[in-house]
Protein backbone atom coordinates (compact mmCIF):
# COMPACT_ATOMS: atom_id res chain seq x y z
CA ALA A 1 -97.76 -112.82 -15.84
CA SER A 2 -100.47 -110.44 -16.93
CA ASP A 3 -104.05 -110.88 -15.75
CA GLU A 4 -105.00 -112.19 -19.20
CA GLU A 5 -102.14 -114.72 -19.19
CA LEU A 6 -103.21 -115.83 -15.72
CA LYS A 7 -106.79 -116.34 -16.87
CA LYS A 8 -105.69 -118.34 -19.93
CA ALA A 9 -103.40 -120.55 -17.85
CA TYR A 10 -106.17 -121.14 -15.31
CA ARG A 11 -108.65 -122.14 -18.00
CA ARG A 12 -106.11 -124.48 -19.61
CA MET A 13 -105.41 -126.20 -16.29
CA ALA A 14 -109.08 -126.28 -15.28
CA MET A 15 -109.95 -128.08 -18.49
CA LYS A 16 -107.02 -130.47 -18.11
CA TYR A 17 -107.87 -131.46 -14.54
CA HIS A 18 -111.66 -131.26 -14.59
CA PRO A 19 -112.99 -134.51 -13.06
CA ASP A 20 -115.52 -134.98 -15.88
CA LYS A 21 -112.68 -135.11 -18.41
CA VAL A 22 -111.19 -138.25 -16.83
CA SER A 23 -114.30 -140.00 -15.53
CA HIS A 24 -113.96 -142.68 -18.21
CA LEU A 25 -110.60 -143.70 -16.68
CA GLY A 26 -112.13 -144.84 -13.41
CA GLU A 27 -112.86 -143.59 -9.94
CA GLU A 28 -109.21 -143.36 -8.85
CA PHE A 29 -108.32 -140.99 -11.71
CA ARG A 30 -111.50 -138.98 -11.18
CA GLU A 31 -110.70 -138.47 -7.49
CA ALA A 32 -107.10 -137.47 -8.26
CA ALA A 33 -108.33 -135.02 -10.90
CA LYS A 34 -110.91 -133.64 -8.47
CA GLU A 35 -108.22 -132.91 -5.88
CA LYS A 36 -105.93 -131.28 -8.46
CA PHE A 37 -108.86 -129.27 -9.87
CA GLN A 38 -109.69 -127.97 -6.39
CA ARG A 39 -106.06 -126.94 -5.81
CA VAL A 40 -105.99 -125.14 -9.18
CA ASN A 41 -109.21 -123.29 -8.30
CA GLN A 42 -107.92 -122.32 -4.87
CA ALA A 43 -104.63 -121.05 -6.26
CA TYR A 44 -106.43 -119.01 -8.93
CA ASN A 45 -108.80 -117.53 -6.35
CA ASN A 46 -105.87 -116.62 -4.08
CA ILE A 47 -104.03 -114.87 -6.91
CA LYS A 48 -107.20 -113.04 -7.98
CA ALA A 49 -107.72 -111.84 -4.41
CA GLU A 50 -104.13 -110.60 -4.15
CA ARG A 51 -104.43 -108.72 -7.44
CA ASN A 52 -107.99 -107.49 -6.77
CA ILE A 53 -109.26 -109.17 -9.92
CA SER A 54 -112.98 -109.89 -10.06
């Protein structure tokens, strides 16, 4: 995937799994979303580091 495609996919997933987006569903869903959101962020940061993207 290109850098632009990567960025778009990251933003799409970050919005989908952001804990604030599911807070109305209860604490269990918010915690699950928080964990997924953190994994998405870590994966994106790892890929950016490998590709030397700022």
